[in-house]
Amino acid sequence: MTTPIVVAGPSHVRGMKHQLAIGNVRSSGRPVEWIDFPGTGTLSPHFQKATFTSEPMDTLFLVPDFRFGNKAVVNPKIPANHAAVDRSLISPENDAKMYSAVMTALEAIRDKNPRCRFVFWCFAGREEDNRFAGKYFENGVYRHPTWNLSDAEERLGSQVISLRPLIEHPHGRSFRIDDSQHPSFLGHELLRRLIADPDIDLPTTISDIVSTSTQVVVRATVPTVITGHSHWLTRLDETVSRRLVRLEGPVDIVDPKTLFTEPPGRGTRVVYVSGLQRVLRPDPLRRATTETVDELRRLGAQGADVRIVPWENKVSVSPAPTRVGQPALWSAAPEFAPIPPIAGWTAGVAPFTVEDFDLEHDQMPTVPAPTGDVPFREGARLRPIPTTHGIEKLLRAVGFDVSHEPFLDPAP
């Protein structure tokens, strides 16, 4: 199919667009008009004024989370109220208001654009996570008090692409990479195929994607602890939980506080992923650096074999748009100079580079300028969330045996 299609939605759509641009996802073969507004609700003027909501045209609409823009229950006339989630306004009453208003808006889009196909990506993912956690079951039957996927899909009828087969598949959770329901590489492949042909047989397609994809399998041959304060570490934990990455052998992900109350044995390899980043303001940076130095000193005193991995800083000092991080950490960021020689030992800094395909789509506050400067705003918080490729690259850099193997079915 080569006819043009509109693909609209929140950050999931922006992520898909980015992954296509950097080559992590193959083209669907169709010309695509991307309409993406991260963290923005269906009721936002950004979506409501888009042409696909009022005129017939081929469209794939990834419906945003029902709570996005929940501040609109207070004042819908302020455009900013249609973005993000105000946690202070989360309540059964407000959830019910948002659900009713969003469903009414979706019905209006359906009626005006009979070629719009709806995908409840966020909704399905949250229901799947609830089911996985055993929430909202009564007598063995799942029933959320406010919203249920089957009700929403039935209400919009034949224009919905039902994701029931996905949440009922044993590897369904692996199609999302975090609790915000961002697609994993499996999810991006599913979306790619839906863009190419919204009428594909979903159960067959899901099974084919799983059977032709691989898990990242990480093996440790010596006792190893992975710890630190980094977005990279958070994402590793999420990918392990969702079975995109499998850890084998004597390796654990450990919170630093737990690490110091239950010290690792002498000779244990400790991979310390630092969250230090030069875009912090001076006072927070000094505090964070002091905390890091203290933790590394204590690890050294315990006889641990420490490998420092400066993930955040490596990304922030990378000078080119491709973010190939050639500058050495300590010369590029002199504020970290006190870290290497501590208490008579030297922590090894793992050598690695960071490139665009190692990073998720919208986690950089600004785009590096063509001059090579990195124009971060003063005090901007860098959130360099790694892709699965970025996780794999770092683990290889610190000496893990990393391979790609078929997905194993989860234990019953």
Protein backbone atom coordinates (compact mmCIF):
# COMPACT_ATOMS: atom_id res chain seq x y z
CA MET A 1 0.00 0.00 0.00
CA THR A 2 1.52 3.33 -1.08
CA THR A 3 -1.29 5.81 -0.40
CA PRO A 4 -0.44 8.56 2.13
CA ILE A 5 -1.48 8.18 5.75
CA VAL A 6 -1.66 10.47 8.78
CA VAL A 7 -0.14 9.02 11.96
CA ALA A 8 -1.18 11.03 15.01
CA GLY A 9 -0.70 10.70 18.74
CA PRO A 10 1.47 11.58 21.75
CA SER A 11 5.17 10.87 22.38
CA HIS A 12 4.84 7.32 21.03
CA VAL A 13 4.38 8.81 17.57
CA ARG A 14 7.35 11.13 17.98
CA GLY A 15 9.43 8.17 19.09
CA MET A 16 8.36 6.15 16.06
CA LYS A 17 9.25 9.05 13.77
CA HIS A 18 12.69 9.38 15.39
CA GLN A 19 13.43 5.66 15.25
CA LEU A 20 12.61 5.70 11.53
CA ALA A 21 14.81 8.74 10.94
CA ILE A 22 17.89 7.14 12.53
CA GLY A 23 17.35 3.73 10.95
CA ASN A 24 16.30 1.70 13.97
CA VAL A 25 12.94 0.99 12.27
CA ARG A 26 12.37 0.17 8.60
CA SER A 27 10.03 2.26 6.49
CA SER A 28 6.43 1.14 6.08
CA GLY A 29 6.60 2.06 2.41
CA ARG A 30 3.82 4.63 2.78
CA PRO A 31 4.19 8.44 2.74
CA VAL A 32 3.38 9.56 6.30
CA GLU A 33 2.25 12.88 7.73
CA TRP A 34 3.28 12.81 11.39
CA ILE A 35 1.19 14.69 13.95
CA ASP A 36 2.79 14.26 17.36
CA PHE A 37 2.27 16.16 20.59
CA PRO A 38 3.98 14.44 23.56
CA GLY A 39 1.97 14.32 26.77
CA THR A 40 -1.00 16.00 25.10
CA GLY A 41 -4.59 14.83 25.45
CA THR A 42 -7.19 14.13 22.78
CA LEU A 43 -9.19 17.22 23.81
CA SER A 44 -6.28 19.54 23.11
CA PRO A 45 -6.70 22.10 20.31
CA HIS A 46 -3.54 20.61 18.80
CA PHE A 47 -5.49 17.47 17.93
CA GLN A 48 -8.99 18.92 17.66
CA LYS A 49 -7.90 21.43 15.00
CA ALA A 50 -5.94 18.85 12.99
CA THR A 51 -7.46 18.12 9.60
CA PHE A 52 -7.83 14.38 10.23
CA THR A 53 -10.40 15.06 12.95
CA SER A 54 -12.87 16.65 10.54
CA GLU A 55 -12.17 15.34 7.02
CA PRO A 56 -11.97 11.84 5.52
CA MET A 57 -8.36 10.70 5.10
CA ASP A 58 -6.37 7.57 5.91
CA THR A 59 -5.37 7.98 9.55
CA LEU A 60 -3.86 5.93 12.34
CA PHE A 61 -4.63 7.68 15.63
CA LEU A 62 -2.77 6.40 18.69
CA VAL A 63 -5.22 7.67 21.28
CA PRO A 64 -3.41 9.48 24.12
CA ASP A 65 -3.80 8.46 27.75
CA PHE A 66 -7.22 9.50 29.08
CA ARG A 67 -5.55 11.43 31.92
CA PHE A 68 -3.39 13.56 29.61
CA GLY A 69 -4.62 17.12 30.01
CA ASN A 70 -6.73 16.34 33.06
CA LYS A 71 -6.35 19.93 34.22
CA ALA A 72 -8.97 20.67 31.58
CA VAL A 73 -11.60 19.53 34.10
CA VAL A 74 -10.80 22.79 35.94
CA ASN A 75 -10.61 25.09 32.89
CA PRO A 76 -10.69 23.63 29.37
CA LYS A 77 -10.24 27.06 27.75
CA ILE A 78 -6.56 27.28 28.73
CA PRO A 79 -4.56 25.36 26.06
CA ALA A 80 -1.80 24.38 28.52
CA ASN A 81 -4.36 22.54 30.63
CA HIS A 82 -4.65 19.91 27.89
CA ALA A 83 -1.08 18.70 28.39
CA ALA A 84 0.53 16.44 31.01
CA VAL A 85 -1.12 14.88 34.05
CA ASP A 86 -1.86 16.88 37.18
CA ARG A 87 -1.61 14.19 39.86
CA SER A 88 -3.47 16.34 42.39
CA LEU A 89 -6.53 16.10 40.13
CA ILE A 90 -6.53 12.31 39.82
CA SER A 91 -9.74 11.02 41.39
CA PRO A 92 -12.51 8.61 40.36
CA GLU A 93 -14.79 11.56 39.64
CA ASN A 94 -12.27 13.42 37.45
CA ASP A 95 -11.21 10.21 35.70
CA ALA A 96 -14.84 9.56 34.80
CA LYS A 97 -15.20 13.11 33.44
CA MET A 98 -12.08 12.77 31.31
CA TYR A 99 -13.09 9.36 29.99
CA SER A 100 -16.57 10.58 29.03
CA ALA A 101 -15.27 13.73 27.33
CA VAL A 102 -12.52 11.92 25.42
CA MET A 103 -14.80 9.14 24.21
CA THR A 104 -17.32 11.70 23.00
CA ALA A 105 -14.54 13.51 21.11
CA LEU A 106 -13.34 10.23 19.57
CA GLU A 107 -16.88 9.43 18.41
CA ALA A 108 -17.01 12.84 16.69
CA ILE A 109 -13.72 12.11 14.90
CA ARG A 110 -15.03 8.68 13.88
CA ASP A 111 -18.17 10.17 12.41
CA LYS A 112 -16.35 12.92 10.47
CA ASN A 113 -13.47 10.73 9.30
CA PRO A 114 -14.64 7.20 8.48
CA ARG A 115 -11.07 6.38 7.34
CA CYS A 116 -9.57 7.07 10.76
CA ARG A 117 -8.42 3.93 12.58
CA PHE A 118 -8.10 4.15 16.36
CA VAL A 119 -5.40 2.37 18.38
CA PHE A 120 -5.73 2.49 22.17
CA TRP A 121 -2.01 1.98 22.72
CA CYS A 122 -1.73 3.68 26.14
CA PHE A 123 -5.04 2.28 27.34
CA ALA A 124 -4.20 -1.30 26.35
CA GLY A 125 -0.77 -1.11 27.94
CA ARG A 126 -2.12 0.15 31.26
CA GLU A 127 -4.80 -2.54 31.32
CA GLU A 128 -2.19 -5.17 30.57
CA ASP A 129 0.02 -3.89 33.39
CA ASN A 130 -2.96 -3.93 35.77
CA ARG A 131 -3.74 -7.51 34.80
CA PHE A 132 -0.06 -8.47 35.23
CA ALA A 133 -0.10 -6.95 38.73
CA GLY A 134 -3.37 -8.71 39.62
CA LYS A 135 -5.34 -5.46 40.04
CA TYR A 136 -9.07 -4.96 39.57
CA PHE A 137 -10.02 -8.62 39.52
CA GLU A 138 -13.17 -9.90 41.14
CA ASN A 139 -14.03 -13.59 40.97
CA GLY A 140 -11.34 -13.99 38.34
CA VAL A 141 -12.79 -11.30 36.07
CA TYR A 142 -10.93 -8.05 35.33
CA ARG A 143 -13.06 -4.92 35.67
CA HIS A 144 -11.65 -1.43 36.17
CA PRO A 145 -14.10 0.88 38.01
CA THR A 146 -13.78 3.67 35.41
CA TRP A 147 -12.50 2.45 32.05
CA ASN A 148 -12.09 -0.89 30.31
CA LEU A 149 -10.52 -1.55 26.93
CA SER A 150 -13.31 -3.80 25.67
CA ASP A 151 -15.93 -1.11 26.39
CA ALA A 152 -13.98 1.63 24.60
CA GLU A 153 -13.22 -0.54 21.56
CA GLU A 154 -16.83 -1.66 21.28
CA ARG A 155 -18.07 1.92 21.53
CA LEU A 156 -16.01 3.06 18.51
CA GLY A 157 -16.84 -0.04 16.53
CA SER A 158 -15.19 -1.23 13.34
CA GLN A 159 -12.78 1.72 13.08
CA VAL A 160 -10.88 0.42 16.09
CA ILE A 161 -7.83 -1.80 15.66
CA SER A 162 -8.35 -4.00 18.69
CA LEU A 163 -5.27 -4.61 20.84
CA ARG A 164 -6.92 -7.42 22.77
CA PRO A 165 -4.68 -9.97 21.01
CA LEU A 166 -1.62 -8.04 22.19
CA ILE A 167 -2.49 -7.86 25.88
CA GLU A 168 -3.51 -11.52 25.84
CA HIS A 169 -0.23 -12.63 24.22
CA PRO A 170 2.39 -14.08 26.62
CA HIS A 171 4.94 -11.55 25.34
CA GLY A 172 2.53 -8.62 25.16
CA ARG A 173 4.31 -6.56 27.84
CA SER A 174 7.53 -6.79 25.84
CA PHE A 175 5.98 -4.55 23.17
CA ARG A 176 6.29 -1.62 25.59
CA ILE A 177 9.49 -0.50 27.23
CA ASP A 178 8.23 1.30 30.37
CA ASP A 179 5.24 2.14 32.53
CA SER A 180 4.48 5.14 30.31
CA GLN A 181 3.75 2.59 27.56
CA HIS A 182 6.40 3.82 25.11
CA PRO A 183 6.85 1.18 22.40
CA SER A 184 9.86 -1.11 22.52
CA PHE A 185 11.58 -2.27 19.33
CA LEU A 186 8.85 -4.93 19.14
CA GLY A 187 6.19 -2.25 19.52
CA HIS A 188 7.76 -0.10 16.83
CA GLU A 189 7.76 -3.03 14.45
CA LEU A 190 4.07 -3.67 15.16
CA LEU A 191 3.26 0.01 14.54
CA ARG A 192 5.30 -0.07 11.33
CA ARG A 193 3.21 -2.95 10.05
CA LEU A 194 -0.05 -1.25 11.10
CA ILE A 195 0.97 1.88 9.20
CA ALA A 196 1.66 -0.25 6.13
CA ASP A 197 -1.68 -2.04 6.42
CA PRO A 198 -4.14 -1.35 9.26
CA ASP A 199 -6.13 -4.45 8.32
CA ILE A 200 -3.39 -7.03 9.00
CA ASP A 201 -4.31 -10.05 11.10
CA LEU A 202 -3.06 -8.94 14.51
CA PRO A 203 -2.63 -12.30 16.32
CA THR A 204 -0.61 -13.69 13.40
CA THR A 205 1.44 -10.49 13.13
CA ILE A 206 2.27 -10.39 16.85
CA SER A 207 3.40 -14.02 16.85
CA ASP A 208 5.51 -13.43 13.74
CA ILE A 209 7.23 -10.40 15.29
CA VAL A 210 8.10 -12.33 18.46
CA SER A 211 9.32 -15.41 16.58
CA THR A 212 11.58 -13.37 14.27
CA SER A 213 12.99 -11.08 17.01
CA THR A 214 15.54 -11.74 19.74
CA GLN A 215 16.14 -11.00 23.39
CA VAL A 216 19.36 -9.39 24.56
CA VAL A 217 20.94 -12.01 26.82
CA VAL A 218 23.58 -10.74 29.25
CA ARG A 219 25.82 -13.28 31.01
CA ALA A 220 28.17 -12.66 33.91
CA THR A 221 30.99 -15.10 34.65
CA VAL A 222 32.11 -13.41 37.90
CA PRO A 223 29.97 -12.01 40.74
CA THR A 224 28.77 -8.64 39.47
CA VAL A 225 26.63 -5.83 40.85
CA ILE A 226 25.18 -3.05 38.67
CA THR A 227 24.39 0.08 40.67
CA GLY A 228 24.40 3.88 40.58
CA HIS A 229 22.08 6.84 39.96
CA SER A 230 21.39 6.96 36.25
CA HIS A 231 18.48 6.99 33.83
CA TRP A 232 20.34 4.20 32.06
CA LEU A 233 20.01 2.00 35.14
CA THR A 234 16.29 2.70 35.42
CA ARG A 235 15.79 1.67 31.81
CA LEU A 236 17.84 -1.51 32.30
CA ASP A 237 15.58 -2.48 35.20
CA GLU A 238 12.50 -1.84 33.04
CA THR A 239 13.78 -3.86 30.09
CA VAL A 240 14.63 -6.78 32.36
CA SER A 241 11.15 -6.60 33.92
CA ARG A 242 9.56 -6.64 30.46
CA ARG A 243 11.80 -9.50 29.27
CA LEU A 244 13.51 -7.49 26.54
CA VAL A 245 16.82 -8.11 28.32
CA ARG A 246 17.65 -11.31 30.19
CA LEU A 247 20.35 -11.41 32.88
CA GLU A 248 22.05 -14.73 33.50
CA GLY A 249 24.76 -15.78 35.93
CA PRO A 250 25.87 -14.07 39.16
CA VAL A 251 24.65 -10.55 38.36
CA ASP A 252 22.22 -8.28 40.22
CA ILE A 253 20.86 -4.75 39.87
CA VAL A 254 21.21 -3.18 43.31
CA ASP A 255 20.24 0.16 44.83
CA PRO A 256 23.37 1.91 46.20
CA LYS A 257 21.86 2.22 49.68
CA THR A 258 21.29 -1.54 49.79
CA LEU A 259 24.78 -2.09 48.45
CA PHE A 260 26.34 -0.34 51.43
CA THR A 261 24.18 -2.05 54.04
CA GLU A 262 25.00 -5.43 52.49
CA PRO A 263 28.51 -4.89 51.06
CA PRO A 264 29.59 -7.02 48.07
CA GLY A 265 32.36 -9.52 48.65
CA ARG A 266 35.98 -8.56 47.99
CA GLY A 267 36.75 -8.86 44.30
CA THR A 268 33.11 -8.46 43.26
CA ARG A 269 32.88 -6.49 40.04
CA VAL A 270 30.80 -3.35 40.59
CA VAL A 271 29.51 -1.50 37.55
CA TYR A 272 28.73 1.99 38.84
CA VAL A 273 26.59 3.94 36.35
CA SER A 274 26.97 7.60 37.25
CA GLY A 275 24.11 10.04 36.77
CA LEU A 276 26.40 13.08 37.06
CA GLN A 277 25.85 15.55 34.25
CA ARG A 278 27.43 18.89 33.53
CA VAL A 279 24.10 20.57 32.74
CA LEU A 280 23.22 20.69 36.44
CA ARG A 281 23.50 24.00 38.26
CA PRO A 282 26.70 24.34 40.31
CA ASP A 283 25.22 23.61 43.76
CA PRO A 284 23.28 20.45 42.78
CA LEU A 285 26.29 19.30 40.78
CA ARG A 286 28.60 19.72 43.78
CA ARG A 287 26.19 17.81 46.02
CA ALA A 288 25.78 15.03 43.47
CA THR A 289 29.53 14.84 42.91
CA THR A 290 30.21 14.65 46.66
CA GLU A 291 27.68 11.83 47.00
CA THR A 292 29.21 9.95 44.07
CA VAL A 293 32.76 10.35 45.37
CA ASP A 294 31.67 9.13 48.80
CA GLU A 295 29.99 6.05 47.37
CA LEU A 296 32.98 5.21 45.16
CA ARG A 297 35.37 5.68 48.10
CA ARG A 298 33.35 3.28 50.23
CA LEU A 299 33.24 0.71 47.45
CA GLY A 300 37.00 0.98 46.99
CA ALA A 301 37.59 0.50 50.70
CA GLN A 302 35.56 -2.71 50.53
CA GLY A 303 37.88 -4.08 47.85
CA ALA A 304 35.37 -3.97 45.01
CA ASP A 305 36.56 -3.97 41.39
CA VAL A 306 34.77 -0.80 40.26
CA ARG A 307 34.03 0.21 36.67
CA ILE A 308 32.63 3.73 36.36
CA VAL A 309 30.19 4.31 33.52
CA PRO A 310 29.50 8.05 33.06
CA TRP A 311 26.35 7.65 30.94
CA GLU A 312 24.69 11.06 31.41
CA ASN A 313 27.92 12.97 31.09
CA LYS A 314 29.08 10.99 28.08
CA VAL A 315 25.90 12.01 26.28
CA SER A 316 26.06 15.66 27.34
CA VAL A 317 29.67 16.19 26.22
CA SER A 318 29.25 14.54 22.83
CA PRO A 319 29.97 17.36 20.38
CA ALA A 320 28.28 16.24 17.18
CA PRO A 321 24.62 15.76 16.20
CA THR A 322 25.31 12.03 16.11
CA ARG A 323 26.56 12.35 19.69
CA VAL A 324 29.67 10.27 19.13
CA GLY A 325 31.22 10.79 22.53
CA GLN A 326 34.93 10.94 21.79
CA PRO A 327 36.06 13.40 24.53
CA ALA A 328 37.41 11.66 27.61
CA LEU A 329 35.16 12.20 30.60
CA TRP A 330 37.63 13.82 32.95
CA SER A 331 39.17 16.25 30.46
CA ALA A 332 35.79 17.23 29.01
CA ALA A 333 34.19 17.75 32.41
CA PRO A 334 36.78 19.10 34.86
CA GLU A 335 34.22 19.21 37.68
CA PHE A 336 34.58 15.42 37.91
CA ALA A 337 38.37 15.51 38.25
CA PRO A 338 38.39 14.41 41.93
CA ILE A 339 36.74 11.09 41.11
CA PRO A 340 39.37 8.77 39.56
CA PRO A 341 42.10 8.45 42.26
CA ILE A 342 40.31 7.71 45.54
CA ALA A 343 41.79 6.16 48.67
CA GLY A 344 44.75 4.68 46.88
CA TRP A 345 42.89 2.94 44.08
CA THR A 346 41.87 3.92 40.58
CA ALA A 347 38.40 3.27 39.24
CA GLY A 348 38.41 2.14 35.65
CA VAL A 349 36.29 4.31 33.36
CA ALA A 350 34.64 2.09 30.76
CA PRO A 351 35.36 3.32 27.20
CA PHE A 352 32.30 3.66 25.00
CA THR A 353 30.64 6.06 22.58
CA VAL A 354 27.06 7.30 22.35
CA GLU A 355 25.25 7.74 19.06
CA ASP A 356 21.73 8.76 18.11
CA PHE A 357 20.44 5.21 17.83
CA ASP A 358 21.50 4.62 21.46
CA LEU A 359 19.00 7.22 22.71
CA GLU A 360 15.25 7.55 22.91
CA HIS A 361 13.63 10.36 20.96
CA ASP A 362 12.93 13.40 23.13
CA GLN A 363 15.25 13.18 26.09
CA MET A 364 17.65 15.97 25.09
CA PRO A 365 16.66 19.50 26.15
CA THR A 366 18.03 20.99 22.93
CA VAL A 367 19.62 19.77 19.71
CA PRO A 368 23.40 20.22 19.37
CA ALA A 369 24.22 23.16 17.11
CA PRO A 370 25.97 22.59 13.76
CA THR A 371 29.03 24.37 15.19
CA GLY A 372 29.61 21.47 17.53
CA ASP A 373 28.61 23.40 20.64
CA VAL A 374 26.12 21.81 23.00
CA PRO A 375 23.70 24.63 23.86
CA PHE A 376 22.09 23.19 26.97
CA ARG A 377 20.00 25.68 28.91
CA GLU A 378 21.35 26.69 32.29
CA GLY A 379 20.12 24.12 34.78
CA ALA A 380 18.40 21.98 32.17
CA ARG A 381 17.97 18.38 33.27
CA LEU A 382 19.29 15.93 30.74
CA ARG A 383 17.30 12.70 30.53
CA PRO A 384 19.30 10.49 28.18
CA ILE A 385 17.12 7.39 28.19
CA PRO A 386 18.88 4.57 26.30
CA THR A 387 17.33 2.39 23.65
CA THR A 388 17.84 -1.36 23.98
CA HIS A 389 20.83 -0.87 21.69
CA GLY A 390 22.26 1.69 24.13
CA ILE A 391 21.83 -0.77 26.99
CA GLU A 392 23.55 -3.52 25.05
CA LYS A 393 26.45 -1.27 24.02
CA LEU A 394 27.23 -0.21 27.58
CA LEU A 395 27.05 -3.76 28.95
CA ARG A 396 29.51 -4.92 26.30
CA ALA A 397 31.82 -2.01 27.21
CA VAL A 398 32.11 -3.17 30.83
CA GLY A 399 32.90 -6.76 29.88
CA PHE A 400 29.64 -8.68 29.88
CA ASP A 401 29.09 -11.49 27.40
CA VAL A 402 26.12 -10.23 25.36
CA SER A 403 24.25 -12.26 22.76
CA HIS A 404 20.93 -12.26 20.91
CA GLU A 405 18.71 -15.29 21.44
CA PRO A 406 15.08 -16.25 20.76
CA PHE A 407 12.50 -15.04 23.25
CA LEU A 408 11.77 -17.57 25.97
CA ASP A 409 8.14 -18.04 26.93
CA PRO A 410 7.50 -16.56 30.40
CA ALA A 411 7.07 -18.92 33.31
CA PRO A 412 3.42 -19.71 34.03
